[in-house]
PDB file of all heavy atoms in Angstrom:
ATOM      1  N   GLY A   1      -3.966 -16.061  -5.472  1.00  0.00           N
ATOM      2  CA  GLY A   1      -4.577 -15.112  -4.531  1.00  0.00           C
ATOM      3  C   GLY A   1      -3.863 -13.808  -4.385  1.00  0.00           C
ATOM      4  O   GLY A   1      -4.180 -13.012  -3.488  1.00  0.00           O
ATOM      5  N   MET A   2      -2.927 -13.503  -5.258  1.00  0.00           N
ATOM      6  CA  MET A   2      -2.112 -12.275  -5.089  1.00  0.00           C
ATOM      7  C   MET A   2      -2.625 -11.058  -5.836  1.00  0.00           C
ATOM      8  O   MET A   2      -2.376  -9.937  -5.437  1.00  0.00           O
ATOM      9  CB  MET A   2      -0.672 -12.569  -5.551  1.00  0.00           C
ATOM     10  CG  MET A   2       0.126 -13.387  -4.568  1.00  0.00           C
ATOM     11  SD  MET A   2       1.762 -13.865  -5.147  1.00  0.00           S
ATOM     12  CE  MET A   2       2.455 -12.391  -5.807  1.00  0.00           C
ATOM     13  N   SER A   3      -3.370 -11.242  -6.896  1.00  0.00           N
ATOM     14  CA  SER A   3      -3.743 -10.116  -7.779  1.00  0.00           C
ATOM     15  C   SER A   3      -4.540  -9.055  -7.035  1.00  0.00           C
ATOM     16  O   SER A   3      -4.224  -7.881  -7.083  1.00  0.00           O
ATOM     17  CB  SER A   3      -4.473 -10.610  -8.983  1.00  0.00           C
ATOM     18  OG  SER A   3      -3.690 -11.476  -9.767  1.00  0.00           O
ATOM     19  N   LEU A   4      -5.644  -9.479  -6.416  1.00  0.00           N
ATOM     20  CA  LEU A   4      -6.556  -8.519  -5.792  1.00  0.00           C
ATOM     21  C   LEU A   4      -5.891  -7.792  -4.637  1.00  0.00           C
ATOM     22  O   LEU A   4      -5.989  -6.576  -4.540  1.00  0.00           O
ATOM     23  CB  LEU A   4      -7.840  -9.235  -5.323  1.00  0.00           C
ATOM     24  CG  LEU A   4      -8.967  -8.356  -4.904  1.00  0.00           C
ATOM     25  CD1 LEU A   4      -9.462  -7.578  -6.120  1.00  0.00           C
ATOM     26  CD2 LEU A   4     -10.085  -9.189  -4.311  1.00  0.00           C
ATOM     27  N   VAL A   5      -5.191  -8.504  -3.774  1.00  0.00           N
ATOM     28  CA  VAL A   5      -4.569  -7.870  -2.630  1.00  0.00           C
ATOM     29  C   VAL A   5      -3.418  -6.958  -3.060  1.00  0.00           C
ATOM     30  O   VAL A   5      -3.265  -5.826  -2.560  1.00  0.00           O
ATOM     31  CB  VAL A   5      -4.089  -8.830  -1.505  1.00  0.00           C
ATOM     32  CG1 VAL A   5      -5.262  -9.610  -0.916  1.00  0.00           C
ATOM     33  CG2 VAL A   5      -3.052  -9.808  -2.042  1.00  0.00           C
ATOM     34  N   SER A   6      -2.655  -7.403  -4.043  1.00  0.00           N
ATOM     35  CA  SER A   6      -1.565  -6.580  -4.555  1.00  0.00           C
ATOM     36  C   SER A   6      -2.032  -5.287  -5.199  1.00  0.00           C
ATOM     37  O   SER A   6      -1.491  -4.200  -4.987  1.00  0.00           O
ATOM     38  CB  SER A   6      -0.679  -7.380  -5.498  1.00  0.00           C
ATOM     39  OG  SER A   6      -0.116  -8.509  -4.865  1.00  0.00           O
ATOM     40  N   GLU A   7      -3.044  -5.463  -6.054  1.00  0.00           N
ATOM     41  CA  GLU A   7      -3.598  -4.268  -6.723  1.00  0.00           C
ATOM     42  C   GLU A   7      -4.178  -3.285  -5.717  1.00  0.00           C
ATOM     43  O   GLU A   7      -4.033  -2.065  -5.855  1.00  0.00           O
ATOM     44  CB  GLU A   7      -4.630  -4.714  -7.789  1.00  0.00           C
ATOM     45  CG  GLU A   7      -5.039  -3.610  -8.758  1.00  0.00           C
ATOM     46  CD  GLU A   7      -6.061  -2.675  -8.202  1.00  0.00           C
ATOM     47  OE1 GLU A   7      -6.895  -3.070  -7.369  1.00  0.00           O
ATOM     48  OE2 GLU A   7      -6.050  -1.485  -8.615  1.00  0.00           O
ATOM     49  N   THR A   8      -4.899  -3.798  -4.728  1.00  0.00           N
ATOM     50  CA  THR A   8      -5.482  -2.959  -3.713  1.00  0.00           C
ATOM     51  C   THR A   8      -4.411  -2.149  -2.966  1.00  0.00           C
ATOM     52  O   THR A   8      -4.514  -0.907  -2.823  1.00  0.00           O
ATOM     53  CB  THR A   8      -6.321  -3.734  -2.717  1.00  0.00           C
ATOM     54  OG1 THR A   8      -7.385  -4.421  -3.445  1.00  0.00           O
ATOM     55  CG2 THR A   8      -6.954  -2.878  -1.638  1.00  0.00           C
ATOM     56  N   ALA A   9      -3.370  -2.858  -2.544  1.00  0.00           N
ATOM     57  CA  ALA A   9      -2.276  -2.160  -1.808  1.00  0.00           C
ATOM     58  C   ALA A   9      -1.552  -1.133  -2.691  1.00  0.00           C
ATOM     59  O   ALA A   9      -1.292  -0.054  -2.281  1.00  0.00           O
ATOM     60  CB  ALA A   9      -1.268  -3.230  -1.296  1.00  0.00           C
ATOM     61  N   ALA A  10      -1.309  -1.539  -3.965  1.00  0.00           N
ATOM     62  CA  ALA A  10      -0.611  -0.648  -4.874  1.00  0.00           C
ATOM     63  C   ALA A  10      -1.465   0.612  -5.143  1.00  0.00           C
ATOM     64  O   ALA A  10      -0.908   1.712  -5.203  1.00  0.00           O
ATOM     65  CB  ALA A  10      -0.268  -1.377  -6.190  1.00  0.00           C
ATOM     66  N   ARG A  11      -2.720   0.434  -5.320  1.00  0.00           N
ATOM     67  CA  ARG A  11      -3.592   1.577  -5.568  1.00  0.00           C
ATOM     68  C   ARG A  11      -3.613   2.549  -4.395  1.00  0.00           C
ATOM     69  O   ARG A  11      -3.516   3.772  -4.626  1.00  0.00           O
ATOM     70  CB  ARG A  11      -5.056   1.125  -5.847  1.00  0.00           C
ATOM     71  CG  ARG A  11      -5.996   2.221  -6.245  1.00  0.00           C
ATOM     72  CD  ARG A  11      -7.376   1.787  -6.685  1.00  0.00           C
ATOM     73  NE  ARG A  11      -7.606   0.369  -6.695  1.00  0.00           N
ATOM     74  CZ  ARG A  11      -8.459  -0.239  -5.889  1.00  0.00           C
ATOM     75  NH1 ARG A  11      -9.140   0.369  -4.975  1.00  0.00           N
ATOM     76  NH2 ARG A  11      -8.625  -1.565  -6.023  1.00  0.00           N
ATOM     77  N   VAL A  12      -3.684   2.051  -3.199  1.00  0.00           N
ATOM     78  CA  VAL A  12      -3.709   2.924  -2.014  1.00  0.00           C
ATOM     79  C   VAL A  12      -2.379   3.660  -1.903  1.00  0.00           C
ATOM     80  O   VAL A  12      -2.325   4.922  -1.698  1.00  0.00           O
ATOM     81  CB  VAL A  12      -3.962   2.126  -0.729  1.00  0.00           C
ATOM     82  CG1 VAL A  12      -3.684   2.951   0.514  1.00  0.00           C
ATOM     83  CG2 VAL A  12      -5.402   1.626  -0.735  1.00  0.00           C
ATOM     84  N   LEU A  13      -1.268   2.976  -2.075  1.00  0.00           N
ATOM     85  CA  LEU A  13       0.040   3.619  -1.960  1.00  0.00           C
ATOM     86  C   LEU A  13       0.230   4.689  -3.078  1.00  0.00           C
ATOM     87  O   LEU A  13       0.799   5.695  -2.867  1.00  0.00           O
ATOM     88  CB  LEU A  13       1.170   2.584  -2.014  1.00  0.00           C
ATOM     89  CG  LEU A  13       1.188   1.614  -0.819  1.00  0.00           C
ATOM     90  CD1 LEU A  13       2.172   0.511  -1.067  1.00  0.00           C
ATOM     91  CD2 LEU A  13       1.467   2.355   0.475  1.00  0.00           C
ATOM     92  N   ARG A  14      -0.311   4.392  -4.284  1.00  0.00           N
ATOM     93  CA  ARG A  14      -0.248   5.352  -5.356  1.00  0.00           C
ATOM     94  C   ARG A  14      -1.096   6.607  -5.020  1.00  0.00           C
ATOM     95  O   ARG A  14      -0.671   7.710  -5.245  1.00  0.00           O
ATOM     96  CB  ARG A  14      -0.831   4.679  -6.639  1.00  0.00           C
ATOM     97  CG  ARG A  14      -0.122   5.055  -7.872  1.00  0.00           C
ATOM     98  CD  ARG A  14      -0.570   4.309  -9.141  1.00  0.00           C
ATOM     99  NE  ARG A  14      -1.876   3.645  -9.123  1.00  0.00           N
ATOM    100  CZ  ARG A  14      -2.064   2.291  -9.010  1.00  0.00           C
ATOM    101  NH1 ARG A  14      -1.037   1.504  -8.933  1.00  0.00           N
ATOM    102  NH2 ARG A  14      -3.245   1.806  -9.033  1.00  0.00           N
ATOM    103  N   GLU A  15      -2.269   6.373  -4.500  1.00  0.00           N
ATOM    104  CA  GLU A  15      -3.179   7.481  -4.125  1.00  0.00           C
ATOM    105  C   GLU A  15      -2.540   8.350  -3.077  1.00  0.00           C
ATOM    106  O   GLU A  15      -2.680   9.576  -3.022  1.00  0.00           O
ATOM    107  CB  GLU A  15      -4.515   6.970  -3.634  1.00  0.00           C
ATOM    108  CG  GLU A  15      -5.423   6.433  -4.693  1.00  0.00           C
ATOM    109  CD  GLU A  15      -5.880   7.500  -5.690  1.00  0.00           C
ATOM    110  OE1 GLU A  15      -6.227   8.606  -5.272  1.00  0.00           O
ATOM    111  OE2 GLU A  15      -5.911   7.194  -6.889  1.00  0.00           O
ATOM    112  N   LEU A  16      -1.792   7.726  -2.137  1.00  0.00           N
ATOM    113  CA  LEU A  16      -1.100   8.456  -1.070  1.00  0.00           C
ATOM    114  C   LEU A  16       0.233   9.034  -1.558  1.00  0.00           C
ATOM    115  O   LEU A  16       0.874   9.777  -0.781  1.00  0.00           O
ATOM    116  CB  LEU A  16      -0.845   7.533   0.134  1.00  0.00           C
ATOM    117  CG  LEU A  16      -2.088   7.057   0.865  1.00  0.00           C
ATOM    118  CD1 LEU A  16      -1.729   6.016   1.908  1.00  0.00           C
ATOM    119  CD2 LEU A  16      -2.846   8.214   1.507  1.00  0.00           C
ATOM    120  N   ASP A  17       0.653   8.696  -2.780  1.00  0.00           N
ATOM    121  CA  ASP A  17       1.910   9.161  -3.291  1.00  0.00           C
ATOM    122  C   ASP A  17       3.098   8.817  -2.422  1.00  0.00           C
ATOM    123  O   ASP A  17       3.950   9.667  -2.130  1.00  0.00           O
ATOM    124  CB  ASP A  17       1.862  10.687  -3.596  1.00  0.00           C
ATOM    125  CG  ASP A  17       3.009  11.151  -4.469  1.00  0.00           C
ATOM    126  OD1 ASP A  17       3.565  10.328  -5.247  1.00  0.00           O
ATOM    127  OD2 ASP A  17       3.430  12.333  -4.302  1.00  0.00           O
ATOM    128  N   VAL A  18       3.107   7.551  -1.936  1.00  0.00           N
ATOM    129  CA  VAL A  18       4.183   7.117  -1.057  1.00  0.00           C
ATOM    130  C   VAL A  18       5.516   7.051  -1.850  1.00  0.00           C
ATOM    131  O   VAL A  18       5.558   6.516  -2.936  1.00  0.00           O
ATOM    132  CB  VAL A  18       3.837   5.737  -0.443  1.00  0.00           C
ATOM    133  CG1 VAL A  18       5.021   5.122   0.313  1.00  0.00           C
ATOM    134  CG2 VAL A  18       2.621   5.842   0.431  1.00  0.00           C
ATOM    135  N   LYS A  19       6.526   7.624  -1.189  1.00  0.00           N
ATOM    136  CA  LYS A  19       7.834   7.643  -1.852  1.00  0.00           C
ATOM    137  C   LYS A  19       8.947   7.454  -0.791  1.00  0.00           C
ATOM    138  O   LYS A  19       8.649   7.421   0.391  1.00  0.00           O
ATOM    139  CB  LYS A  19       8.029   8.942  -2.620  1.00  0.00           C
ATOM    140  CG  LYS A  19       7.835  10.200  -1.794  1.00  0.00           C
ATOM    141  CD  LYS A  19       7.693  11.435  -2.679  1.00  0.00           C
ATOM    142  CE  LYS A  19       7.281  12.650  -1.957  1.00  0.00           C
ATOM    143  NZ  LYS A  19       6.062  12.551  -1.162  1.00  0.00           N
ATOM    144  N   ALA A  20      10.161   7.364  -1.275  1.00  0.00           N
ATOM    145  CA  ALA A  20      11.314   7.195  -0.400  1.00  0.00           C
ATOM    146  C   ALA A  20      11.329   8.231   0.651  1.00  0.00           C
ATOM    147  O   ALA A  20      11.068   9.422   0.403  1.00  0.00           O
ATOM    148  CB  ALA A  20      12.602   7.238  -1.203  1.00  0.00           C
ATOM    149  N   GLY A  21      11.598   7.790   1.906  1.00  0.00           N
ATOM    150  CA  GLY A  21      11.677   8.724   3.020  1.00  0.00           C
ATOM    151  C   GLY A  21      10.364   8.856   3.771  1.00  0.00           C
ATOM    152  O   GLY A  21      10.362   9.372   4.910  1.00  0.00           O
ATOM    153  N   ASP A  22       9.222   8.460   3.200  1.00  0.00           N
ATOM    154  CA  ASP A  22       7.932   8.546   3.913  1.00  0.00           C
ATOM    155  C   ASP A  22       7.872   7.437   4.942  1.00  0.00           C
ATOM    156  O   ASP A  22       8.553   6.444   4.895  1.00  0.00           O
ATOM    157  CB  ASP A  22       6.788   8.325   2.902  1.00  0.00           C
ATOM    158  CG  ASP A  22       6.586   9.522   1.963  1.00  0.00           C
ATOM    159  OD1 ASP A  22       7.176  10.571   2.206  1.00  0.00           O
ATOM    160  OD2 ASP A  22       5.836   9.340   0.995  1.00  0.00           O
ATOM    161  N   THR A  23       6.944   7.657   5.941  1.00  0.00           N
ATOM    162  CA  THR A  23       6.628   6.619   6.889  1.00  0.00           C
ATOM    163  C   THR A  23       5.185   6.283   6.699  1.00  0.00           C
ATOM    164  O   THR A  23       4.319   7.166   6.637  1.00  0.00           O
ATOM    165  CB  THR A  23       6.865   7.126   8.344  1.00  0.00           C
ATOM    166  OG1 THR A  23       8.239   7.427   8.491  1.00  0.00           O
ATOM    167  CG2 THR A  23       6.460   6.025   9.345  1.00  0.00           C
ATOM    168  N   VAL A  24       4.883   4.980   6.529  1.00  0.00           N
ATOM    169  CA  VAL A  24       3.553   4.485   6.278  1.00  0.00           C
ATOM    170  C   VAL A  24       3.063   3.652   7.456  1.00  0.00           C
ATOM    171  O   VAL A  24       3.824   2.756   7.963  1.00  0.00           O
ATOM    172  CB  VAL A  24       3.511   3.652   4.996  1.00  0.00           C
ATOM    173  CG1 VAL A  24       2.119   3.068   4.749  1.00  0.00           C
ATOM    174  CG2 VAL A  24       3.986   4.494   3.812  1.00  0.00           C
ATOM    175  N   LEU A  25       1.853   3.892   7.957  1.00  0.00           N
ATOM    176  CA  LEU A  25       1.244   3.083   8.983  1.00  0.00           C
ATOM    177  C   LEU A  25       0.236   2.185   8.320  1.00  0.00           C
ATOM    178  O   LEU A  25      -0.699   2.617   7.601  1.00  0.00           O
ATOM    179  CB  LEU A  25       0.519   3.960  10.011  1.00  0.00           C
ATOM    180  CG  LEU A  25      -0.331   3.210  11.053  1.00  0.00           C
ATOM    181  CD1 LEU A  25       0.545   2.324  11.914  1.00  0.00           C
ATOM    182  CD2 LEU A  25      -1.077   4.249  11.944  1.00  0.00           C
ATOM    183  N   VAL A  26       0.419   0.844   8.505  1.00  0.00           N
ATOM    184  CA  VAL A  26      -0.514  -0.151   7.916  1.00  0.00           C
ATOM    185  C   VAL A  26      -1.189  -0.865   9.069  1.00  0.00           C
ATOM    186  O   VAL A  26      -0.598  -1.620   9.806  1.00  0.00           O
ATOM    187  CB  VAL A  26       0.241  -1.135   7.024  1.00  0.00           C
ATOM    188  CG1 VAL A  26      -0.694  -2.181   6.436  1.00  0.00           C
ATOM    189  CG2 VAL A  26       1.017  -0.437   5.899  1.00  0.00           C
ATOM    190  N   HIS A  27      -2.516  -0.635   9.173  1.00  0.00           N
ATOM    191  CA  HIS A  27      -3.319  -1.347  10.156  1.00  0.00           C
ATOM    192  C   HIS A  27      -3.730  -2.706   9.579  1.00  0.00           C
ATOM    193  O   HIS A  27      -3.935  -2.826   8.372  1.00  0.00           O
ATOM    194  CB  HIS A  27      -4.560  -0.571  10.561  1.00  0.00           C
ATOM    195  CG  HIS A  27      -4.292   0.596  11.440  1.00  0.00           C
ATOM    196  ND1 HIS A  27      -3.792   0.473  12.707  1.00  0.00           N
ATOM    197  CD2 HIS A  27      -4.416   1.927  11.204  1.00  0.00           C
ATOM    198  CE1 HIS A  27      -3.627   1.661  13.220  1.00  0.00           C
ATOM    199  NE2 HIS A  27      -4.012   2.552  12.347  1.00  0.00           N
ATOM    200  N   GLY A  28      -3.803  -3.741  10.419  1.00  0.00           N
ATOM    201  CA  GLY A  28      -4.144  -5.073   9.943  1.00  0.00           C
ATOM    202  C   GLY A  28      -3.078  -5.565   8.983  1.00  0.00           C
ATOM    203  O   GLY A  28      -3.346  -6.202   7.986  1.00  0.00           O
ATOM    204  N   ALA A  29      -1.845  -5.305   9.333  1.00  0.00           N
ATOM    205  CA  ALA A  29      -0.724  -5.560   8.393  1.00  0.00           C
ATOM    206  C   ALA A  29      -0.440  -7.011   8.127  1.00  0.00           C
ATOM    207  O   ALA A  29       0.254  -7.333   7.192  1.00  0.00           O
ATOM    208  CB  ALA A  29       0.541  -4.846   8.891  1.00  0.00           C
ATOM    209  N   SER A  30      -0.994  -7.921   8.942  1.00  0.00           N
ATOM    210  CA  SER A  30      -0.698  -9.343   8.698  1.00  0.00           C
ATOM    211  C   SER A  30      -1.685  -9.962   7.688  1.00  0.00           C
ATOM    212  O   SER A  30      -1.535 -11.090   7.276  1.00  0.00           O
ATOM    213  CB  SER A  30      -0.735 -10.135  10.007  1.00  0.00           C
ATOM    214  OG  SER A  30      -2.068 -10.065  10.582  1.00  0.00           O
TER     215      SER A  30
END
């Protein structure tokens, strides 16, 4: 069950260009 959720999260973080020092807000984080 990890592929779809991991790819979705990775794609969003890539699109946002998240890097060291950034602060990310994740709604529905559980």
